[in-house]
C-alpha atoms as a PDB file:
ATOM      1  CA  MET A   1       0.000   0.000   0.000  1.00  0.00           C
ATOM      2  CA  LYS A   2       1.310   3.464  -0.837  1.00  0.00           C
ATOM      3  CA  VAL A   3       1.231   6.116   1.897  1.00  0.00           C
ATOM      4  CA  LYS A   4       2.304   9.742   2.281  1.00  0.00           C
ATOM      5  CA  MET A   5       4.038  10.279   5.602  1.00  0.00           C
ATOM      6  CA  ASN A   6       2.885  13.019   8.009  1.00  0.00           C
ATOM      7  CA  VAL A   7       5.896  12.476  10.286  1.00  0.00           C
ATOM      8  CA  GLN A   8       9.472  11.283   9.929  1.00  0.00           C
ATOM      9  CA  THR A   9      10.118   7.763  11.218  1.00  0.00           C
ATOM     10  CA  ALA A  10      12.442   4.802  10.881  1.00  0.00           C
ATOM     11  CA  TYR A  11      10.975   1.637   9.370  1.00  0.00           C
ATOM     12  CA  HIS A  12      12.988  -1.575   8.870  1.00  0.00           C
ATOM     13  CA  GLY A  13      16.224   0.414   9.087  1.00  0.00           C
ATOM     14  CA  ASP A  14      15.125   2.998   6.492  1.00  0.00           C
ATOM     15  CA  LEU A  15      14.379   6.651   7.214  1.00  0.00           C
ATOM     16  CA  LEU A  16      10.918   7.647   5.975  1.00  0.00           C
ATOM     17  CA  ARG A  17      10.570  11.414   5.685  1.00  0.00           C
ATOM     18  CA  ALA A  18       7.461  13.526   6.228  1.00  0.00           C
ATOM     19  CA  GLY A  19       5.752  14.640   3.010  1.00  0.00           C
ATOM     20  CA  LYS A  20       7.148  11.820   0.872  1.00  0.00           C
ATOM     21  CA  GLU A  21       5.369   8.729  -0.473  1.00  0.00           C
ATOM     22  CA  TYR A  22       6.434   5.169   0.318  1.00  0.00           C
ATOM     23  CA  GLU A  23       5.216   1.654  -0.448  1.00  0.00           C
ATOM     24  CA  ILE A  24       4.744  -0.355   2.773  1.00  0.00           C
ATOM     25  CA  ASP A  25       2.811  -3.453   3.784  1.00  0.00           C
ATOM     26  CA  GLU A  26      -0.955  -3.023   4.151  1.00  0.00           C
ATOM     27  CA  GLU A  27      -1.190  -3.988   7.838  1.00  0.00           C
ATOM     28  CA  THR A  28       1.379  -1.388   8.894  1.00  0.00           C
ATOM     29  CA  ALA A  29      -0.129   1.214   6.564  1.00  0.00           C
ATOM     30  CA  LYS A  30      -3.587   0.819   8.119  1.00  0.00           C
ATOM     31  CA  ARG A  31      -2.152   1.273  11.641  1.00  0.00           C
ATOM     32  CA  TRP A  32      -0.245   4.390  10.577  1.00  0.00           C
ATOM     33  CA  ILE A  33      -3.303   5.877   8.837  1.00  0.00           C
ATOM     34  CA  ALA A  34      -5.465   5.217  11.920  1.00  0.00           C
ATOM     35  CA  SER A  35      -2.795   6.885  14.094  1.00  0.00           C
ATOM     36  CA  LYS A  36      -2.511   9.867  11.707  1.00  0.00           C
ATOM     37  CA  LEU A  37       1.169   9.093  11.056  1.00  0.00           C
ATOM     38  CA  ALA A  38       0.435   8.758   7.338  1.00  0.00           C
ATOM     39  CA  GLU A  39      -2.270   9.244   4.710  1.00  0.00           C
ATOM     40  CA  GLU A  40      -3.273   6.733   2.049  1.00  0.00           C
ATOM     41  CA  VAL A  41      -2.235   7.703  -1.472  1.00  0.00           C
ATOM     42  CA  GLN A  42      -5.020   7.137  -3.991  1.00  0.00           C
ATOM     43  CA  GLU A  43      -3.590   5.345  -7.025  1.00  0.00           C
ATOM     44  CA  ILE A  44      -4.929   6.584 -10.371  1.00  0.00           C
ATOM     45  CA  SER A  45      -5.633   3.842 -12.882  1.00  0.00           C
ATOM     46  CA  GLU A  46      -3.694   4.182 -16.135  1.00  0.00           C
ATOM     47  CA  ASP A  47      -6.424   2.293 -18.013  1.00  0.00           C
ATOM     48  CA  GLU A  48      -8.670   5.350 -18.199  1.00  0.00           C
END
């Protein structure tokens, strides 16, 4: 799942910066979104 970070954090040894988008596993993404640490990025379909 792709998320846009609201805060800077370390995740699996990588530094994730606020304001940038990252691909992370869905379970973690849902926890972060619920905690307001990140926002879900809406993927736009290229088929349209």
